[in-house]
Amino acid sequence: MALEILKIVVTATTTTNAVPTVTRFFRRTLALVVGPATLTINATDFQTDAGATATSLPTLPANNSYYNVYINGIMQMGGLTTYTPGGSGVGKLDITVPSGQTIALSTLIVLEIVSYAPTSSTTVS
């Protein structure tokens, strides 16, 4: 028998689904905020999409989540906010209001959290 190179022939197909979970929290400001200042909104000060009082702010899974903050419908720059997950007394959103800037009374603030739970399956033949 002559020498020959033996090879294994394999076909593999991977399907990945990025399954997003979007959670939104709402709050209206209770007073005029004049910068420089930090507006702190505790977890229980927010309302959920269903209109109920929030009990906690969710943890952001590393590399699979992000949050956005909207003030009066306008997405804000990331460097102006700090998000801390957790329940009452821990969970909060801090918004830095720069000098010379204001947030008016009754302005709507929306915290949007997007988390992904990706799943993959591979078929080898």
N, C-alpha and C. Protein backbone atom coordinates (compact mmCIF):
# COMPACT_ATOMS: atom_id res chain seq x y z
N MET A 1 0.84 -1.17 0.00
CA MET A 1 0.00 0.00 0.00
C MET A 1 0.89 1.23 0.00
N ALA A 2 0.56 2.20 -0.84
CA ALA A 2 1.32 3.43 -0.93
C ALA A 2 1.00 4.32 0.27
N LEU A 3 1.95 5.15 0.65
CA LEU A 3 1.72 6.09 1.75
C LEU A 3 0.75 7.17 1.31
N GLU A 4 -0.13 7.58 2.22
CA GLU A 4 -1.05 8.68 1.93
C GLU A 4 -1.36 9.43 3.21
N ILE A 5 -1.77 10.69 3.06
CA ILE A 5 -2.15 11.52 4.21
C ILE A 5 -3.61 11.23 4.53
N LEU A 6 -3.86 10.92 5.78
CA LEU A 6 -5.22 10.66 6.22
C LEU A 6 -5.78 11.91 6.88
N LYS A 7 -6.98 12.26 6.52
CA LYS A 7 -7.61 13.46 7.07
C LYS A 7 -9.00 13.11 7.60
N ILE A 8 -9.39 13.85 8.60
CA ILE A 8 -10.75 13.74 9.11
C ILE A 8 -11.52 14.90 8.50
N VAL A 9 -12.65 14.63 7.92
CA VAL A 9 -13.49 15.67 7.34
C VAL A 9 -14.65 15.93 8.30
N VAL A 10 -14.73 17.16 8.79
CA VAL A 10 -15.76 17.53 9.76
C VAL A 10 -16.40 18.83 9.30
N THR A 11 -17.70 18.89 9.42
CA THR A 11 -18.43 20.13 9.18
C THR A 11 -19.11 20.50 10.49
N ALA A 12 -18.95 21.75 10.88
CA ALA A 12 -19.57 22.22 12.12
C ALA A 12 -20.32 23.51 11.84
N THR A 13 -21.50 23.62 12.40
CA THR A 13 -22.31 24.82 12.28
C THR A 13 -22.70 25.27 13.68
N THR A 14 -22.43 26.52 13.98
CA THR A 14 -22.80 27.08 15.28
C THR A 14 -23.85 28.16 15.08
N THR A 15 -24.90 28.09 15.85
CA THR A 15 -25.95 29.11 15.83
C THR A 15 -25.94 29.79 17.19
N THR A 16 -25.83 31.12 17.17
CA THR A 16 -25.83 31.89 18.41
C THR A 16 -27.02 32.85 18.39
N ASN A 17 -27.75 32.87 19.48
CA ASN A 17 -28.87 33.80 19.65
C ASN A 17 -28.53 34.76 20.78
N ALA A 18 -28.60 36.05 20.48
CA ALA A 18 -28.41 37.07 21.50
C ALA A 18 -29.80 37.42 22.01
N VAL A 19 -30.11 37.02 23.23
CA VAL A 19 -31.45 37.21 23.79
C VAL A 19 -31.42 38.40 24.74
N PRO A 20 -31.90 39.58 24.27
CA PRO A 20 -31.84 40.75 25.13
C PRO A 20 -33.02 40.82 26.10
N THR A 21 -32.75 41.33 27.27
CA THR A 21 -33.78 41.68 28.24
C THR A 21 -33.66 43.18 28.50
N VAL A 22 -34.72 43.89 28.21
CA VAL A 22 -34.72 45.34 28.39
C VAL A 22 -35.59 45.68 29.59
N THR A 23 -35.02 46.42 30.52
CA THR A 23 -35.75 46.86 31.71
C THR A 23 -35.64 48.38 31.78
N ARG A 24 -36.78 49.04 32.02
CA ARG A 24 -36.78 50.50 32.10
C ARG A 24 -37.34 50.96 33.44
N PHE A 25 -36.76 52.05 33.93
CA PHE A 25 -37.19 52.66 35.18
C PHE A 25 -37.43 54.14 34.93
N PHE A 26 -38.43 54.70 35.61
CA PHE A 26 -38.84 56.08 35.35
C PHE A 26 -38.89 56.89 36.65
N ARG A 27 -38.56 58.17 36.51
CA ARG A 27 -38.61 59.08 37.67
C ARG A 27 -38.76 60.51 37.15
N ARG A 28 -39.58 61.29 37.80
CA ARG A 28 -39.67 62.73 37.52
C ARG A 28 -38.92 63.46 38.63
N THR A 29 -38.20 64.52 38.25
CA THR A 29 -37.48 65.28 39.27
C THR A 29 -38.47 66.00 40.17
N LEU A 30 -38.12 66.09 41.44
CA LEU A 30 -39.01 66.70 42.42
C LEU A 30 -38.68 68.17 42.68
N ALA A 31 -37.56 68.63 42.13
CA ALA A 31 -37.14 70.02 42.31
C ALA A 31 -36.21 70.40 41.16
N LEU A 32 -36.01 71.67 41.00
CA LEU A 32 -35.02 72.17 40.04
C LEU A 32 -33.64 71.76 40.52
N VAL A 33 -32.81 71.23 39.63
CA VAL A 33 -31.44 70.86 39.97
C VAL A 33 -30.51 71.79 39.22
N VAL A 34 -29.70 72.55 39.96
CA VAL A 34 -28.79 73.53 39.37
C VAL A 34 -27.36 73.07 39.60
N GLY A 35 -26.60 72.95 38.51
CA GLY A 35 -25.22 72.49 38.61
C GLY A 35 -24.27 73.58 39.06
N PRO A 36 -23.15 73.24 39.64
CA PRO A 36 -22.69 71.87 39.79
C PRO A 36 -23.42 71.16 40.93
N ALA A 37 -23.90 69.97 40.62
CA ALA A 37 -24.63 69.19 41.61
C ALA A 37 -24.67 67.73 41.15
N THR A 38 -25.02 66.86 42.08
CA THR A 38 -25.26 65.46 41.75
C THR A 38 -26.68 65.13 42.13
N LEU A 39 -27.44 64.66 41.16
CA LEU A 39 -28.80 64.21 41.41
C LEU A 39 -28.73 62.70 41.65
N THR A 40 -29.15 62.27 42.83
CA THR A 40 -29.15 60.84 43.18
C THR A 40 -30.58 60.35 43.21
N ILE A 41 -30.82 59.26 42.46
CA ILE A 41 -32.14 58.64 42.45
C ILE A 41 -31.96 57.23 42.98
N ASN A 42 -32.53 56.96 44.15
CA ASN A 42 -32.44 55.63 44.77
C ASN A 42 -33.34 54.64 44.04
N ALA A 43 -33.02 53.37 44.19
CA ALA A 43 -33.77 52.31 43.50
C ALA A 43 -35.26 52.43 43.75
N THR A 44 -35.67 52.65 44.98
CA THR A 44 -37.09 52.69 45.32
C THR A 44 -37.77 54.00 44.93
N ASP A 45 -37.01 54.97 44.41
CA ASP A 45 -37.59 56.21 43.90
C ASP A 45 -38.06 56.05 42.45
N PHE A 46 -37.64 54.98 41.80
CA PHE A 46 -38.03 54.72 40.41
C PHE A 46 -39.35 53.98 40.35
N GLN A 47 -40.02 54.12 39.20
CA GLN A 47 -41.17 53.29 38.88
C GLN A 47 -40.78 52.35 37.74
N THR A 48 -41.39 51.18 37.72
CA THR A 48 -41.13 50.20 36.68
C THR A 48 -42.02 50.48 35.46
N ASP A 49 -41.82 49.69 34.40
CA ASP A 49 -42.67 49.78 33.21
C ASP A 49 -44.15 49.57 33.55
N ALA A 50 -44.42 48.80 34.59
CA ALA A 50 -45.80 48.50 35.00
C ALA A 50 -46.38 49.59 35.90
N GLY A 51 -45.56 50.60 36.26
CA GLY A 51 -46.04 51.67 37.13
C GLY A 51 -45.89 51.39 38.60
N ALA A 52 -45.30 50.25 38.95
CA ALA A 52 -45.08 49.90 40.36
C ALA A 52 -43.78 50.52 40.86
N THR A 53 -43.66 50.66 42.16
CA THR A 53 -42.42 51.15 42.75
C THR A 53 -41.35 50.08 42.60
N ALA A 54 -40.19 50.48 42.12
CA ALA A 54 -39.08 49.54 41.97
C ALA A 54 -38.59 49.11 43.34
N THR A 55 -38.13 47.89 43.45
CA THR A 55 -37.58 47.41 44.71
C THR A 55 -36.06 47.34 44.67
N SER A 56 -35.51 47.18 43.46
CA SER A 56 -34.05 47.13 43.32
C SER A 56 -33.68 47.42 41.87
N LEU A 57 -32.40 47.69 41.67
CA LEU A 57 -31.86 47.87 40.32
C LEU A 57 -31.01 46.65 40.01
N PRO A 58 -31.19 46.06 38.81
CA PRO A 58 -30.52 44.80 38.50
C PRO A 58 -29.01 44.93 38.33
N THR A 59 -28.33 43.82 38.60
CA THR A 59 -26.89 43.73 38.36
C THR A 59 -26.65 43.70 36.86
N LEU A 60 -25.57 44.33 36.43
CA LEU A 60 -25.20 44.32 35.01
C LEU A 60 -24.17 43.23 34.77
N PRO A 61 -24.56 42.14 34.10
CA PRO A 61 -23.59 41.08 33.83
C PRO A 61 -22.40 41.62 33.02
N ALA A 62 -21.19 41.26 33.41
CA ALA A 62 -19.98 41.74 32.73
C ALA A 62 -19.99 41.32 31.27
N ASN A 63 -19.68 42.24 30.40
CA ASN A 63 -19.56 42.03 28.96
C ASN A 63 -20.85 41.66 28.25
N ASN A 64 -21.97 41.66 28.94
CA ASN A 64 -23.24 41.31 28.31
C ASN A 64 -24.36 42.29 28.64
N SER A 65 -24.02 43.51 29.03
CA SER A 65 -25.07 44.45 29.41
C SER A 65 -24.57 45.89 29.33
N TYR A 66 -25.54 46.79 29.33
CA TYR A 66 -25.22 48.23 29.38
C TYR A 66 -26.46 48.97 29.86
N TYR A 67 -26.27 50.25 30.20
CA TYR A 67 -27.41 51.06 30.58
C TYR A 67 -27.33 52.40 29.86
N ASN A 68 -28.50 53.01 29.65
CA ASN A 68 -28.60 54.35 29.08
C ASN A 68 -29.46 55.18 30.00
N VAL A 69 -29.17 56.47 30.05
CA VAL A 69 -29.97 57.41 30.83
C VAL A 69 -30.50 58.47 29.87
N TYR A 70 -31.79 58.70 29.95
CA TYR A 70 -32.44 59.72 29.13
C TYR A 70 -33.01 60.79 30.05
N ILE A 71 -32.73 62.04 29.75
CA ILE A 71 -33.31 63.15 30.49
C ILE A 71 -34.18 63.91 29.51
N ASN A 72 -35.47 63.95 29.81
CA ASN A 72 -36.45 64.59 28.95
C ASN A 72 -36.39 64.03 27.53
N GLY A 73 -36.17 62.71 27.42
CA GLY A 73 -36.16 62.03 26.14
C GLY A 73 -34.85 62.08 25.38
N ILE A 74 -33.82 62.70 25.92
CA ILE A 74 -32.52 62.81 25.25
C ILE A 74 -31.51 61.91 25.97
N MET A 75 -30.87 61.00 25.20
CA MET A 75 -29.85 60.14 25.81
C MET A 75 -28.67 60.99 26.26
N GLN A 76 -28.17 60.70 27.45
CA GLN A 76 -27.09 61.48 28.04
C GLN A 76 -25.73 60.81 27.84
N MET A 77 -24.68 61.61 27.91
CA MET A 77 -23.31 61.11 27.79
C MET A 77 -23.01 60.20 28.98
N GLY A 78 -22.30 59.10 28.70
CA GLY A 78 -22.02 58.10 29.73
C GLY A 78 -21.22 58.63 30.90
N GLY A 79 -20.36 59.61 30.68
CA GLY A 79 -19.52 60.12 31.76
C GLY A 79 -20.26 60.94 32.80
N LEU A 80 -21.54 61.22 32.56
CA LEU A 80 -22.32 62.02 33.50
C LEU A 80 -23.09 61.19 34.52
N THR A 81 -23.05 59.86 34.36
CA THR A 81 -23.87 59.02 35.23
C THR A 81 -23.05 57.90 35.86
N THR A 82 -23.50 57.48 37.04
CA THR A 82 -22.92 56.33 37.73
C THR A 82 -24.07 55.45 38.18
N TYR A 83 -24.00 54.18 37.81
CA TYR A 83 -25.05 53.21 38.12
C TYR A 83 -24.55 52.26 39.18
N THR A 84 -25.36 52.08 40.23
CA THR A 84 -25.04 51.12 41.29
C THR A 84 -26.22 50.18 41.45
N PRO A 85 -26.04 48.87 41.18
CA PRO A 85 -27.15 47.93 41.33
C PRO A 85 -27.45 47.65 42.79
N GLY A 86 -28.64 47.15 43.06
CA GLY A 86 -28.99 46.74 44.42
C GLY A 86 -30.33 47.27 44.85
N GLY A 87 -30.70 46.91 46.05
CA GLY A 87 -31.99 47.28 46.61
C GLY A 87 -31.95 48.61 47.33
N SER A 88 -32.96 48.87 48.12
CA SER A 88 -33.12 50.11 48.86
C SER A 88 -31.88 50.41 49.71
N GLY A 89 -31.40 51.61 49.61
CA GLY A 89 -30.23 52.02 50.39
C GLY A 89 -28.91 51.73 49.70
N VAL A 90 -28.94 50.92 48.62
CA VAL A 90 -27.72 50.58 47.89
C VAL A 90 -27.87 50.95 46.42
N GLY A 91 -28.91 50.41 45.77
CA GLY A 91 -29.12 50.66 44.35
C GLY A 91 -29.47 52.10 44.09
N LYS A 92 -28.78 52.70 43.11
CA LYS A 92 -29.05 54.12 42.81
C LYS A 92 -28.45 54.50 41.46
N LEU A 93 -28.92 55.63 40.97
CA LEU A 93 -28.36 56.26 39.79
C LEU A 93 -27.94 57.66 40.19
N ASP A 94 -26.67 57.99 39.97
CA ASP A 94 -26.16 59.34 40.22
C ASP A 94 -25.98 60.04 38.89
N ILE A 95 -26.52 61.25 38.77
CA ILE A 95 -26.37 62.06 37.57
C ILE A 95 -25.61 63.32 37.95
N THR A 96 -24.46 63.53 37.32
CA THR A 96 -23.67 64.73 37.56
C THR A 96 -24.20 65.84 36.67
N VAL A 97 -24.63 66.93 37.29
CA VAL A 97 -25.11 68.09 36.56
C VAL A 97 -23.98 69.12 36.55
N PRO A 98 -23.39 69.37 35.36
CA PRO A 98 -22.25 70.28 35.29
C PRO A 98 -22.62 71.72 35.65
N SER A 99 -21.61 72.49 35.97
CA SER A 99 -21.78 73.90 36.29
C SER A 99 -22.46 74.63 35.13
N GLY A 100 -23.44 75.45 35.45
CA GLY A 100 -24.15 76.20 34.43
C GLY A 100 -25.29 75.45 33.78
N GLN A 101 -25.48 74.16 34.13
CA GLN A 101 -26.55 73.34 33.56
C GLN A 101 -27.64 73.14 34.60
N THR A 102 -28.85 72.87 34.15
CA THR A 102 -29.96 72.63 35.07
C THR A 102 -30.82 71.46 34.56
N ILE A 103 -31.54 70.88 35.51
CA ILE A 103 -32.61 69.93 35.19
C ILE A 103 -33.86 70.50 35.84
N ALA A 104 -34.87 70.77 35.04
CA ALA A 104 -36.08 71.44 35.52
C ALA A 104 -36.93 70.53 36.39
N LEU A 105 -37.78 71.15 37.18
CA LEU A 105 -38.77 70.45 38.00
C LEU A 105 -39.65 69.59 37.10
N SER A 106 -39.97 68.39 37.52
CA SER A 106 -40.84 67.43 36.83
C SER A 106 -40.27 66.90 35.51
N THR A 107 -38.97 67.03 35.32
CA THR A 107 -38.34 66.47 34.12
C THR A 107 -38.31 64.94 34.24
N LEU A 108 -38.68 64.27 33.17
CA LEU A 108 -38.69 62.81 33.17
C LEU A 108 -37.28 62.27 32.96
N ILE A 109 -36.87 61.36 33.84
CA ILE A 109 -35.59 60.67 33.73
C ILE A 109 -35.89 59.19 33.54
N VAL A 110 -35.31 58.61 32.50
CA VAL A 110 -35.52 57.20 32.18
C VAL A 110 -34.18 56.48 32.26
N LEU A 111 -34.15 55.41 33.03
CA LEU A 111 -32.99 54.52 33.11
C LEU A 111 -33.36 53.26 32.35
N GLU A 112 -32.59 52.97 31.29
CA GLU A 112 -32.83 51.79 30.46
C GLU A 112 -31.67 50.83 30.64
N ILE A 113 -31.98 49.59 30.97
CA ILE A 113 -30.94 48.57 31.17
C ILE A 113 -31.17 47.45 30.15
N VAL A 114 -30.11 47.11 29.43
CA VAL A 114 -30.18 46.04 28.44
C VAL A 114 -29.15 44.98 28.83
N SER A 115 -29.64 43.75 29.05
CA SER A 115 -28.77 42.63 29.39
C SER A 115 -29.00 41.52 28.36
N TYR A 116 -27.92 40.87 27.99
CA TYR A 116 -27.99 39.79 27.02
C TYR A 116 -27.72 38.45 27.69
N ALA A 117 -28.48 37.45 27.28
CA ALA A 117 -28.25 36.06 27.73
C ALA A 117 -28.04 35.24 26.48
N PRO A 118 -26.84 35.31 25.89
CA PRO A 118 -26.62 34.59 24.63
C PRO A 118 -26.62 33.08 24.82
N THR A 119 -27.13 32.39 23.80
CA THR A 119 -27.11 30.93 23.78
C THR A 119 -26.51 30.49 22.46
N SER A 120 -25.77 29.41 22.48
CA SER A 120 -25.17 28.87 21.26
C SER A 120 -25.38 27.36 21.22
N SER A 121 -25.56 26.88 20.00
CA SER A 121 -25.61 25.43 19.80
C SER A 121 -24.77 25.10 18.58
N THR A 122 -24.05 24.00 18.65
CA THR A 122 -23.18 23.58 17.57
C THR A 122 -23.57 22.20 17.10
N THR A 123 -23.67 22.06 15.79
CA THR A 123 -23.97 20.78 15.17
C THR A 123 -22.72 20.34 14.41
N VAL A 124 -22.21 19.16 14.74
CA VAL A 124 -21.02 18.63 14.10
C VAL A 124 -21.43 17.40 13.29
N SER A 125 -20.99 17.37 12.03
CA SER A 125 -21.27 16.18 11.22
C SER A 125 -20.04 15.78 10.44
